[in-house]
Protein backbone atom coordinates (compact mmCIF):
# COMPACT_ATOMS: atom_id res chain seq x y z
CA UNK A 1 88.73 -22.84 -19.21
CA UNK A 2 87.23 -25.52 -21.31
CA UNK A 3 84.04 -23.81 -22.72
CA UNK A 4 82.74 -20.40 -23.98
CA UNK A 5 79.87 -19.75 -21.32
CA UNK A 6 76.63 -19.39 -23.28
CA UNK A 7 74.10 -19.54 -20.14
CA UNK A 8 75.35 -17.97 -17.23
CA UNK A 9 74.02 -17.34 -13.72
CA UNK A 10 75.25 -14.67 -11.14
CA UNK A 11 73.96 -15.85 -7.54
CA UNK A 12 73.90 -12.85 -5.21
CA UNK A 13 72.01 -13.62 -2.17
CA UNK A 14 72.96 -10.72 0.07
CA UNK A 15 71.50 -7.38 1.59
CA UNK A 16 70.98 -4.12 -0.94
CA UNK A 17 74.35 -2.59 -0.58
CA UNK A 18 76.06 -5.94 -1.48
CA UNK A 19 73.92 -6.36 -4.72
CA UNK A 20 74.60 -2.71 -5.60
CA UNK A 21 78.46 -3.57 -5.37
CA UNK A 22 78.38 -6.41 -7.52
CA UNK A 23 76.94 -4.50 -10.58
CA UNK A 24 80.50 -3.67 -11.98
CA UNK A 25 80.82 -7.59 -12.33
CA UNK A 26 77.60 -7.66 -14.14
CA UNK A 27 78.67 -5.26 -16.90
CA UNK A 28 82.14 -6.78 -17.15
CA UNK A 29 80.57 -10.22 -17.61
CA UNK A 30 78.14 -8.66 -20.53
CA UNK A 31 81.06 -7.12 -22.07
CA UNK A 32 83.10 -10.26 -22.34
CA UNK A 33 80.10 -12.52 -23.45
CA UNK A 34 77.75 -9.93 -25.51
CA UNK A 35 75.83 -12.85 -26.72
CA UNK A 36 75.16 -15.04 -23.71
CA UNK A 37 72.18 -15.38 -21.71
CA UNK A 38 73.00 -13.64 -18.43
CA UNK A 39 70.74 -14.35 -15.26
CA UNK A 40 70.99 -13.06 -11.55
CA UNK A 41 69.53 -14.56 -8.75
CA UNK A 42 68.88 -12.09 -5.58
CA UNK A 43 67.12 -11.73 -2.38
CA UNK A 44 63.65 -9.99 -1.88
CA UNK A 45 64.16 -6.21 -1.92
CA UNK A 46 67.76 -6.68 -3.19
CA UNK A 47 66.65 -8.18 -6.35
CA UNK A 48 64.54 -4.85 -7.07
CA UNK A 49 68.41 -3.06 -7.23
CA UNK A 50 68.89 -5.00 -10.65
CA UNK A 51 65.24 -4.41 -12.23
CA UNK A 52 65.62 -2.37 -15.63
CA UNK A 53 69.07 -3.52 -16.09
CA UNK A 54 69.74 -3.85 -19.98
CA UNK A 55 73.05 -6.10 -18.70
CA UNK A 56 70.64 -8.79 -17.50
CA UNK A 57 68.28 -11.11 -19.36
CA UNK A 58 66.31 -12.17 -16.20
CA UNK A 59 66.26 -11.62 -12.44
CA UNK A 60 65.04 -14.58 -10.23
CA UNK A 61 63.79 -13.67 -6.81
CA UNK A 62 64.24 -15.51 -3.38
CA UNK A 63 62.35 -13.93 -0.63
CA UNK A 64 63.91 -14.95 2.50
CA UNK A 65 62.02 -12.82 4.65
CA UNK A 66 58.49 -13.85 3.35
CA UNK A 67 59.30 -17.42 3.69
CA UNK A 68 60.16 -17.17 7.60
CA UNK A 69 56.56 -17.12 8.20
CA UNK A 70 55.75 -20.73 6.19
CA UNK A 71 56.12 -24.04 7.32
CA UNK A 72 59.19 -26.27 7.22
CA UNK A 73 57.38 -28.18 4.88
CA UNK A 74 56.28 -25.41 2.63
CA UNK A 75 59.70 -23.95 2.82
CA UNK A 76 60.99 -27.18 1.56
CA UNK A 77 58.65 -27.31 -1.20
CA UNK A 78 59.16 -23.72 -2.38
CA UNK A 79 62.95 -24.41 -2.33
CA UNK A 80 62.80 -27.46 -4.47
CA UNK A 81 60.26 -25.56 -6.66
CA UNK A 82 62.76 -22.81 -7.24
CA UNK A 83 65.72 -25.28 -7.86
CA UNK A 84 63.79 -26.97 -10.58
CA UNK A 85 62.99 -23.59 -11.97
CA UNK A 86 66.93 -22.71 -12.34
CA UNK A 87 67.71 -26.57 -13.45
CA UNK A 88 65.37 -25.86 -16.40
CA UNK A 89 67.19 -22.79 -17.77
CA UNK A 90 70.03 -25.29 -18.29
CA UNK A 91 72.68 -22.83 -17.29
CA UNK A 92 76.25 -23.95 -18.15
CA UNK A 93 78.12 -21.23 -15.71
CA UNK A 94 77.04 -20.33 -12.26
CA UNK A 95 79.12 -17.64 -10.50
CA UNK A 96 78.40 -17.72 -6.58
CA UNK A 97 79.47 -14.07 -5.59
CA UNK A 98 78.72 -14.50 -2.01
CA UNK A 99 79.25 -18.45 -1.77
CA UNK A 100 76.86 -18.79 1.19
CA UNK A 101 75.30 -22.19 2.34
CA UNK A 102 71.91 -21.63 0.40
CA UNK A 103 73.68 -20.33 -3.08
CA UNK A 104 76.59 -23.07 -3.00
CA UNK A 105 73.74 -25.86 -2.79
CA UNK A 106 71.65 -24.01 -5.34
CA UNK A 107 74.78 -24.02 -7.83
CA UNK A 108 75.32 -27.32 -7.37
CA UNK A 109 71.83 -28.80 -7.62
CA UNK A 110 71.71 -26.53 -10.86
CA UNK A 111 73.78 -29.25 -12.74
CA UNK A 112 75.65 -26.60 -14.33
CA UNK A 113 79.19 -27.65 -15.80
CA UNK A 114 80.99 -25.18 -14.65
CA UNK A 115 80.36 -23.57 -11.19
CA UNK A 116 82.47 -20.68 -9.51
CA UNK A 117 82.64 -19.71 -6.00
CA UNK A 118 84.84 -18.64 -3.04
CA UNK A 119 87.21 -21.74 -1.90
CA UNK A 120 85.56 -22.30 1.38
CA UNK A 121 86.22 -25.84 1.52
CA UNK A 122 87.28 -25.45 5.10
CA UNK A 123 83.34 -25.02 5.85
CA UNK A 124 82.70 -28.11 3.53
CA UNK A 125 80.51 -26.28 1.07
CA UNK A 126 83.62 -25.53 -1.09
CA UNK A 127 83.13 -28.96 -2.38
CA UNK A 128 80.09 -27.94 -4.19
CA UNK A 129 82.07 -25.78 -6.78
CA UNK A 130 84.21 -27.35 -9.23
CA UNK A 131 86.11 -24.11 -9.63
CA UNK A 132 86.81 -22.94 -6.06
CA UNK A 133 88.73 -19.31 -6.20
CA UNK A 134 90.63 -18.34 -3.29
CA UNK A 135 89.97 -14.81 -2.01
CA UNK A 136 92.13 -12.42 -0.05
CA UNK A 137 89.81 -10.19 2.04
CA UNK A 138 92.14 -8.32 4.38
CA UNK A 139 92.35 -4.54 3.38
CA UNK A 140 90.73 -5.19 -0.11
CA UNK A 141 87.09 -3.69 -1.19
CA UNK A 142 84.29 -6.02 -1.90
CA UNK A 143 84.36 -5.40 -5.30
CA UNK A 144 88.10 -6.04 -5.77
CA UNK A 145 87.29 -9.56 -3.75
CA UNK A 146 84.48 -10.27 -6.24
CA UNK A 147 86.54 -9.80 -9.25
CA UNK A 148 88.75 -12.36 -8.20
CA UNK A 149 86.01 -14.87 -8.38
CA UNK A 150 85.28 -13.92 -12.24
CA UNK A 151 88.84 -13.37 -13.15
CA UNK A 152 88.96 -16.69 -14.82
CA UNK A 153 86.07 -15.88 -17.08
CA UNK A 154 86.86 -12.12 -17.94
CA UNK A 155 90.75 -12.06 -17.60
CA UNK A 156 92.66 -9.46 -16.01
CA UNK A 157 90.93 -5.85 -15.91
CA UNK A 158 91.60 -2.50 -13.91
CA UNK A 159 89.40 -2.79 -11.22
CA UNK A 160 89.54 0.63 -10.02
CA UNK A 161 88.40 1.71 -13.38
CA UNK A 162 84.94 -0.18 -12.78
CA UNK A 163 81.99 1.63 -11.97
CA UNK A 164 78.62 0.80 -10.38
CA UNK A 165 75.59 0.44 -12.69
CA UNK A 166 72.08 1.33 -11.70
CA UNK A 167 68.80 1.90 -13.89
CA UNK A 168 66.06 4.01 -13.27
CA UNK A 169 62.99 4.24 -15.39
CA UNK A 170 61.40 7.20 -16.71
CA UNK A 171 58.29 6.41 -14.83
CA UNK A 172 60.15 6.16 -11.66
CA UNK A 173 61.75 9.37 -12.29
CA UNK A 174 58.39 11.13 -12.76
CA UNK A 175 57.09 9.52 -9.70
CA UNK A 176 60.20 11.07 -7.75
CA UNK A 177 59.25 14.46 -8.86
CA UNK A 178 55.81 13.76 -7.59
CA UNK A 179 57.04 13.11 -4.41
CA UNK A 180 59.46 16.19 -4.33
CA UNK A 181 56.46 18.48 -5.51
CA UNK A 182 55.63 18.63 -1.85
CA UNK A 183 58.40 21.05 -1.52
CA UNK A 184 59.48 24.62 -2.62
CA UNK A 185 63.32 24.33 -3.56
CA UNK A 186 64.07 27.99 -3.98
CA UNK A 187 67.67 27.14 -3.59
CA UNK A 188 67.96 24.61 -6.12
CA UNK A 189 69.83 22.74 -3.15
CA UNK A 190 68.25 19.21 -2.06
CA UNK A 191 70.16 17.41 0.88
CA UNK A 192 68.84 13.92 1.80
CA UNK A 193 69.70 12.34 5.08
CA UNK A 194 69.56 8.65 5.60
CA UNK A 195 69.65 7.99 9.30
CA UNK A 196 68.56 4.29 9.32
CA UNK A 197 70.73 1.29 8.76
CA UNK A 198 70.46 -2.31 8.81
CA UNK A 199 72.10 -2.40 12.49
CA UNK A 200 71.69 0.08 15.59
CA UNK A 201 75.67 -0.36 15.55
CA UNK A 202 75.80 1.72 12.32
CA UNK A 203 73.31 4.60 13.26
CA UNK A 204 74.88 7.83 14.12
CA UNK A 205 72.87 9.31 16.75
CA UNK A 206 69.45 11.10 15.92
CA UNK A 207 70.46 14.19 17.80
CA UNK A 208 73.30 14.87 15.84
CA UNK A 209 71.46 14.31 12.34
CA UNK A 210 69.04 16.79 13.88
CA UNK A 211 71.54 19.28 14.65
CA UNK A 212 73.38 18.67 11.19
CA UNK A 213 70.01 19.05 9.49
CA UNK A 214 69.33 22.42 11.25
CA UNK A 215 72.93 23.75 10.36
CA UNK A 216 72.82 22.81 6.73
CA UNK A 217 69.67 24.42 5.98
CA UNK A 218 70.75 27.76 7.64
CA UNK A 219 74.10 27.91 6.01
CA UNK A 220 73.25 26.62 2.41
CA UNK A 221 69.52 27.30 2.66
CA UNK A 222 68.77 23.80 1.17
CA UNK A 223 65.84 21.59 1.46
CA UNK A 224 66.17 18.60 3.85
CA UNK A 225 64.65 15.29 2.96
CA UNK A 226 64.61 12.44 5.46
CA UNK A 227 64.59 8.94 3.89
CA UNK A 228 64.54 5.40 4.35
CA UNK A 229 62.30 2.41 4.71
CA UNK A 230 59.20 1.65 6.93
CA UNK A 231 61.65 0.56 9.74
CA UNK A 232 63.31 4.00 9.67
CA UNK A 233 59.90 5.92 10.35
CA UNK A 234 60.49 6.31 14.27
CA UNK A 235 64.46 7.60 13.87
CA UNK A 236 63.24 10.03 11.04
CA UNK A 237 60.38 11.01 13.57
CA UNK A 238 63.02 11.60 16.20
CA UNK A 239 65.05 13.67 14.12
CA UNK A 240 61.85 15.72 12.93
CA UNK A 241 60.84 16.55 16.24
CA UNK A 242 64.11 17.74 17.28
CA UNK A 243 64.85 19.72 14.28
CA UNK A 244 63.89 23.66 14.29
CA UNK A 245 63.12 23.73 10.58
CA UNK A 246 60.59 21.45 8.66
CA UNK A 247 62.07 18.74 6.74
CA UNK A 248 60.34 16.60 4.08
CA UNK A 249 60.05 13.06 5.42
CA UNK A 250 59.63 10.35 3.20
CA UNK A 251 60.50 7.53 5.20
CA UNK A 252 58.29 4.54 4.65
CA UNK A 253 56.32 6.20 1.89
CA UNK A 254 58.72 4.97 -1.01
CA UNK A 255 59.26 1.65 -2.44
CA UNK A 256 62.86 0.68 -3.09
CA UNK A 257 62.76 1.62 -6.75
CA UNK A 258 60.99 5.00 -5.90
CA UNK A 259 63.72 5.43 -2.87
CA UNK A 260 66.40 5.12 -5.78
CA UNK A 261 64.51 7.67 -7.96
CA UNK A 262 64.24 10.10 -5.03
CA UNK A 263 68.12 9.88 -4.17
CA UNK A 264 68.71 10.51 -7.83
CA UNK A 265 67.05 13.90 -7.55
CA UNK A 266 69.19 15.11 -4.85
CA UNK A 267 72.18 17.21 -4.83
CA UNK A 268 73.85 15.69 -1.41
CA UNK A 269 73.15 12.66 0.21
CA UNK A 270 74.69 12.05 3.88
CA UNK A 271 74.04 8.71 5.13
CA UNK A 272 75.27 5.95 7.76
CA UNK A 273 76.90 2.73 6.08
CA UNK A 274 73.80 1.22 4.45
CA UNK A 275 72.17 0.19 1.27
CA UNK A 276 70.84 3.63 0.33
CA UNK A 277 74.38 5.12 0.53
CA UNK A 278 75.82 2.67 -2.07
CA UNK A 279 72.75 3.36 -4.18
CA UNK A 280 73.12 7.03 -3.92
CA UNK A 281 76.94 6.68 -4.88
CA UNK A 282 75.72 4.74 -7.82
CA UNK A 283 73.67 7.34 -9.23
CA UNK A 284 74.52 10.22 -11.58
CA UNK A 285 73.74 13.46 -9.64
CA UNK A 286 74.02 13.16 -6.00
CA UNK A 287 77.14 13.45 -4.10
CA UNK A 288 77.58 11.45 -1.09
CA UNK A 289 78.93 11.77 2.46
CA UNK A 290 79.07 8.14 4.35
CA UNK A 291 79.43 7.89 8.15
CA UNK A 292 81.89 5.29 9.10
CA UNK A 293 82.80 3.67 12.38
CA UNK A 294 86.05 1.82 11.50
CA UNK A 295 85.31 -1.86 10.37
CA UNK A 296 83.89 -1.13 6.93
CA UNK A 297 86.24 1.75 5.65
CA UNK A 298 87.92 -0.46 3.27
CA UNK A 299 85.64 -3.48 2.22
CA UNK A 300 82.38 -1.11 2.37
CA UNK A 301 84.03 2.26 1.27
CA UNK A 302 82.01 4.21 -0.83
CA UNK A 303 82.98 3.26 -4.89
CA UNK A 304 82.38 6.37 -6.36
CA UNK A 305 84.70 9.76 -7.13
CA UNK A 306 81.58 11.58 -6.10
CA UNK A 307 81.64 10.18 -2.65
CA UNK A 308 83.38 10.77 0.37
CA UNK A 309 83.78 8.96 3.91
CA UNK A 310 84.16 10.63 7.15
CA UNK A 311 85.66 8.46 9.69
CA UNK A 312 87.76 8.58 12.74
CA UNK A 313 88.85 4.95 12.04
CA UNK A 314 92.45 4.16 10.67
CA UNK A 315 92.84 1.69 7.69
CA UNK A 316 94.48 -0.94 10.17
CA UNK A 317 91.33 -0.73 12.00
CA UNK A 318 89.37 -1.86 9.07
CA UNK A 319 88.37 -5.59 9.62
CA UNK A 320 85.78 -7.91 8.06
CA UNK A 321 85.79 -10.97 10.32
CA UNK A 322 84.15 -11.29 13.90
CA UNK A 323 83.66 -7.55 13.87
CA UNK A 324 83.34 -5.98 17.53
CA UNK A 325 80.38 -4.06 16.77
CA UNK A 326 80.50 -2.15 19.96
CA UNK A 327 83.84 -0.87 19.45
CA UNK A 328 82.90 0.07 16.04
CA UNK A 329 79.96 1.90 17.28
CA UNK A 330 82.10 3.90 19.69
CA UNK A 331 84.33 4.89 16.51
CA UNK A 332 81.39 6.14 14.83
CA UNK A 333 80.21 8.22 18.05
CA UNK A 334 83.50 10.20 17.62
CA UNK A 335 82.19 11.81 14.61
CA UNK A 336 80.58 15.20 15.50
CA UNK A 337 78.45 17.44 13.22
CA UNK A 338 81.56 19.80 12.45
CA UNK A 339 83.51 16.71 11.31
CA UNK A 340 80.77 16.30 8.67
CA UNK A 341 80.19 20.33 8.08
CA UNK A 342 83.95 20.50 7.42
CA UNK A 343 83.84 17.84 4.47
CA UNK A 344 81.26 19.46 2.55
CA UNK A 345 83.17 22.44 1.02
CA UNK A 346 85.59 19.74 -0.38
CA UNK A 347 83.02 17.81 -2.05
CA UNK A 348 80.42 20.45 -2.95
CA UNK A 349 82.83 22.79 -4.26
CA UNK A 350 80.50 25.37 -5.99
CA UNK A 351 78.38 25.83 -2.65
CA UNK A 352 81.25 28.10 -1.05
CA UNK A 353 82.12 27.83 2.26
């Protein structure tokens, strides 16, 4: 590379879990360029994942969901306004980690001399990068793929030693304690269930979550907490109504940052493949069980030695392109309550059998 970056911008316009999984790249860039100005662009709620990070100097927010209700003219005006704001920052290096059409054009319009992105020249937009990097996706975790994009900047590293990075403020932790003050945790064991997901094809049936919750409470004398966003209230209500014990239902009652803090207070989190699962995997305290079909078992596997994946899928069944969601869902349905209960002693060794 002809120049040492002084002002770097990471573009990560994707979902919550995707942004959690690029935090090791942020840390590596900061370690490589400790004196550089390092900023990130993320989308709506996903941008909140990066708040309070001492590794970043600034987080720019694009809220695509809010803009759906705007007129085309207003959308265009807001987009131009955002591009000009990025251009004023005079970034010399852009790293487009997900290389979508919007982010590719943003990288090009930024006028940064060095623009890194996936080599997608077959889709035209790859020509907007002057450093197109070929990526091998098959049978590789998303983090490994994204490190390929920054290797010219950070050199070769042991990707498997990298860790997820999330930061929760003291005020957010206190708010989590306030939310959890509604329960009496006599056993000291708190189990969180995340029954929602970004897609219905990734949701384990509510009947099984309810059965699992009852058995967990009976076997481990644990407090059960249902968590999720506003859109998860219905499935959490279904689970609550099918349970024989009374859980604490926090679905729709927390902001994303408060949800992160609540997850950080749990002993065990059992979740579908969704953003909160990756958040829990990045935190210090909770151990995590992810419920998987087959397609995501490699690319979106939990990136933590405190997490386990439960699946009937085989590694050769993992694929990222043109996913057959119905087939993948049937693989998820093969998971039984007993399958989940069987792995808990492996993960929670101090809980006994």
